[in-house]
């Protein structure tokens, strides 16, 4: 493969527009660009999380997810290319079930934290939820594959389970929300 990005700057976006993979140009504050940006930010936060994870299945799953997120960005810029399918959602569900299997049932809400890796994972989870909200807004004005939204929804669930796993690995335990701490 040749050099895909031989020149980093093009000056074509200086007036506030950006090019899509389908050849169209849109404003940089367009919801489609926002959805791609939120997905890219999620990928970056997951990259930070990977730096805090030990080698193993969880880390490998996160690396695979990074590739999927890049594909989601690609599919949003080129909607005619189907890069995310039901098979990717099925894979997420399998990984989710595998990691959730050994966790105790949850009886309370968990506060973000539980060690450095778990805290990074909570951040990834919240960025994932924002990406999902942006995708919902985008669906009202731009048609894209329903698999993308389902993938992101399932990913936020998986990231929550990963938070719990990472908290236990760190020996930090989970911090449960105590509603009675609210003083009126």
Protein backbone atom coordinates (compact mmCIF):
# COMPACT_ATOMS: atom_id res chain seq x y z
CA UNK A 1 0.00 0.00 0.00
CA UNK A 2 1.29 3.46 -0.88
CA UNK A 3 1.41 6.46 1.38
CA UNK A 4 -2.20 7.33 2.15
CA UNK A 5 -1.39 10.55 3.98
CA UNK A 6 1.68 11.92 2.30
CA UNK A 7 0.62 15.49 3.09
CA UNK A 8 -1.05 16.13 6.45
CA UNK A 9 -2.51 19.55 5.75
CA UNK A 10 -4.64 20.30 2.69
CA UNK A 11 -6.06 23.75 3.55
CA UNK A 12 -9.44 22.55 2.24
CA UNK A 13 -11.00 22.87 5.70
CA UNK A 14 -9.90 26.43 6.36
CA UNK A 15 -13.39 27.75 5.59
CA UNK A 16 -15.10 25.44 8.08
CA UNK A 17 -15.97 22.47 5.90
CA UNK A 18 -14.56 18.97 5.70
CA UNK A 19 -14.62 16.27 3.06
CA UNK A 20 -16.49 13.03 3.57
CA UNK A 21 -15.39 9.69 2.13
CA UNK A 22 -18.37 9.78 -0.24
CA UNK A 23 -16.99 12.96 -1.85
CA UNK A 24 -19.41 15.41 -0.22
CA UNK A 25 -18.32 18.40 1.86
CA UNK A 26 -20.11 19.31 5.07
CA UNK A 27 -19.74 21.97 7.75
CA UNK A 28 -17.38 20.91 10.53
CA UNK A 29 -20.15 21.35 13.11
CA UNK A 30 -22.46 19.00 11.17
CA UNK A 31 -23.93 16.17 13.30
CA UNK A 32 -22.29 13.61 11.03
CA UNK A 33 -18.87 15.14 11.78
CA UNK A 34 -19.79 15.33 15.48
CA UNK A 35 -20.64 11.60 15.50
CA UNK A 36 -17.36 10.77 13.78
CA UNK A 37 -15.54 13.03 16.27
CA UNK A 38 -17.22 11.45 19.30
CA UNK A 39 -16.30 8.01 17.97
CA UNK A 40 -12.71 9.15 17.42
CA UNK A 41 -12.58 10.60 20.95
CA UNK A 42 -13.91 7.32 22.34
CA UNK A 43 -11.19 5.47 20.42
CA UNK A 44 -8.57 7.80 21.94
CA UNK A 45 -9.88 7.34 25.47
CA UNK A 46 -9.84 3.57 24.96
CA UNK A 47 -6.23 3.96 23.82
CA UNK A 48 -5.45 5.67 27.13
CA UNK A 49 -7.24 2.84 28.95
CA UNK A 50 -5.22 0.22 27.08
CA UNK A 51 -2.04 1.85 28.42
CA UNK A 52 -3.31 1.13 31.95
CA UNK A 53 -4.33 -2.50 31.33
CA UNK A 54 -2.36 -5.65 31.89
CA UNK A 55 -1.82 -8.03 28.98
CA UNK A 56 -4.69 -10.45 28.56
CA UNK A 57 -8.14 -10.95 27.09
CA UNK A 58 -9.54 -7.61 28.25
CA UNK A 59 -6.69 -5.67 26.63
CA UNK A 60 -7.00 -7.69 23.41
CA UNK A 61 -10.76 -7.03 23.34
CA UNK A 62 -10.12 -3.30 23.71
CA UNK A 63 -7.68 -3.33 20.79
CA UNK A 64 -10.26 -5.13 18.64
CA UNK A 65 -12.84 -2.52 19.70
CA UNK A 66 -10.48 0.23 18.55
CA UNK A 67 -10.45 -1.30 15.07
CA UNK A 68 -14.25 -1.52 15.12
CA UNK A 69 -14.53 2.13 16.17
CA UNK A 70 -12.27 3.15 13.30
CA UNK A 71 -14.57 1.17 11.00
CA UNK A 72 -17.60 2.98 12.45
CA UNK A 73 -15.97 6.32 11.65
CA UNK A 74 -15.27 5.06 8.15
CA UNK A 75 -18.83 3.89 7.69
CA UNK A 76 -20.20 7.24 8.85
CA UNK A 77 -18.04 9.02 6.29
CA UNK A 78 -18.87 6.45 3.57
CA UNK A 79 -22.37 5.14 4.43
CA UNK A 80 -22.51 2.92 1.36
CA UNK A 81 -19.70 0.77 2.83
CA UNK A 82 -20.95 -1.66 5.46
CA UNK A 83 -18.07 -2.16 7.86
CA UNK A 84 -20.06 -2.99 11.02
CA UNK A 85 -22.49 -5.89 10.96
CA UNK A 86 -24.52 -8.03 13.35
CA UNK A 87 -21.47 -10.28 13.72
CA UNK A 88 -19.58 -7.47 15.49
CA UNK A 89 -22.49 -6.91 17.88
CA UNK A 90 -22.66 -10.66 18.55
CA UNK A 91 -18.94 -10.64 19.34
CA UNK A 92 -19.43 -7.78 21.83
CA UNK A 93 -22.25 -9.69 23.53
CA UNK A 94 -20.09 -12.82 23.78
CA UNK A 95 -17.24 -10.86 25.37
CA UNK A 96 -19.69 -9.08 27.68
CA UNK A 97 -21.22 -12.37 28.85
CA UNK A 98 -17.77 -13.90 29.35
CA UNK A 99 -16.52 -11.08 31.59
CA UNK A 100 -19.82 -10.55 33.43
CA UNK A 101 -20.13 -14.23 34.30
CA UNK A 102 -17.74 -14.05 37.26
CA UNK A 103 -18.95 -10.73 38.68
CA UNK A 104 -21.29 -10.64 41.67
CA UNK A 105 -24.81 -9.32 41.06
CA UNK A 106 -25.09 -5.57 41.30
CA UNK A 107 -27.44 -4.16 43.94
CA UNK A 108 -26.46 -0.48 43.86
CA UNK A 109 -25.18 2.10 41.41
CA UNK A 110 -21.39 2.34 41.22
CA UNK A 111 -19.52 5.64 41.43
CA UNK A 112 -16.75 6.12 38.84
CA UNK A 113 -13.37 5.18 40.25
CA UNK A 114 -12.06 1.88 41.54
CA UNK A 115 -8.42 2.34 40.57
CA UNK A 116 -6.67 4.10 37.72
CA UNK A 117 -7.58 1.66 34.93
CA UNK A 118 -11.21 1.44 36.10
CA UNK A 119 -11.44 5.24 36.24
CA UNK A 120 -10.13 5.46 32.66
CA UNK A 121 -12.71 2.85 31.69
CA UNK A 122 -15.51 4.88 33.30
CA UNK A 123 -14.38 7.85 31.22
CA UNK A 124 -14.51 5.68 28.08
CA UNK A 125 -18.00 4.52 29.09
CA UNK A 126 -19.28 8.09 29.43
CA UNK A 127 -17.71 9.17 26.13
CA UNK A 128 -19.36 6.12 24.57
CA UNK A 129 -22.75 7.23 25.92
CA UNK A 130 -22.19 10.71 24.44
CA UNK A 131 -21.32 9.16 21.08
CA UNK A 132 -24.57 7.20 21.29
CA UNK A 133 -26.58 10.36 21.99
CA UNK A 134 -24.96 12.08 19.01
CA UNK A 135 -25.76 9.07 16.81
CA UNK A 136 -29.40 9.20 17.90
CA UNK A 137 -29.58 12.88 16.94
CA UNK A 138 -27.83 12.14 13.65
CA UNK A 139 -30.36 9.41 12.78
CA UNK A 140 -33.08 12.09 12.62
CA UNK A 141 -31.39 13.79 9.66
CA UNK A 142 -29.00 11.25 8.11
CA UNK A 143 -29.55 7.59 7.32
CA UNK A 144 -26.85 5.16 8.44
CA UNK A 145 -26.73 1.50 9.44
CA UNK A 146 -28.64 0.55 12.60
CA UNK A 147 -25.76 -1.78 13.43
CA UNK A 148 -23.63 1.23 14.35
CA UNK A 149 -26.02 2.45 17.05
CA UNK A 150 -26.52 -1.08 18.38
CA UNK A 151 -22.76 -1.62 18.52
CA UNK A 152 -22.18 1.60 20.46
CA UNK A 153 -25.04 0.78 22.85
CA UNK A 154 -23.64 -2.68 23.55
CA UNK A 155 -20.13 -1.26 23.86
CA UNK A 156 -21.19 1.05 26.69
CA UNK A 157 -22.55 -2.01 28.53
CA UNK A 158 -19.30 -3.87 27.97
CA UNK A 159 -17.25 -0.91 29.18
CA UNK A 160 -19.32 -0.87 32.38
CA UNK A 161 -18.53 -4.54 32.94
CA UNK A 162 -14.87 -3.84 32.19
CA UNK A 163 -14.96 -1.10 34.85
CA UNK A 164 -16.08 -3.65 37.39
CA UNK A 165 -13.45 -6.19 36.29
CA UNK A 166 -10.64 -3.63 36.38
CA UNK A 167 -11.71 -2.40 39.80
CA UNK A 168 -11.50 -5.93 41.14
CA UNK A 169 -8.14 -6.55 39.45
CA UNK A 170 -6.76 -3.44 41.14
CA UNK A 171 -8.05 -4.62 44.52
CA UNK A 172 -9.83 -1.29 44.90
CA UNK A 173 -13.37 -2.62 45.10
CA UNK A 174 -16.41 -0.76 43.89
CA UNK A 175 -17.69 2.41 45.50
CA UNK A 176 -21.46 2.23 45.78
CA UNK A 177 -23.67 5.26 45.55
CA UNK A 178 -25.24 6.10 48.90
CA UNK A 179 -28.38 8.11 48.35
CA UNK A 180 -28.68 8.83 52.08
CA UNK A 181 -25.53 10.98 51.85
CA UNK A 182 -27.59 13.70 50.20
CA UNK A 183 -28.37 16.35 52.81
CA UNK A 184 -31.37 18.59 52.31
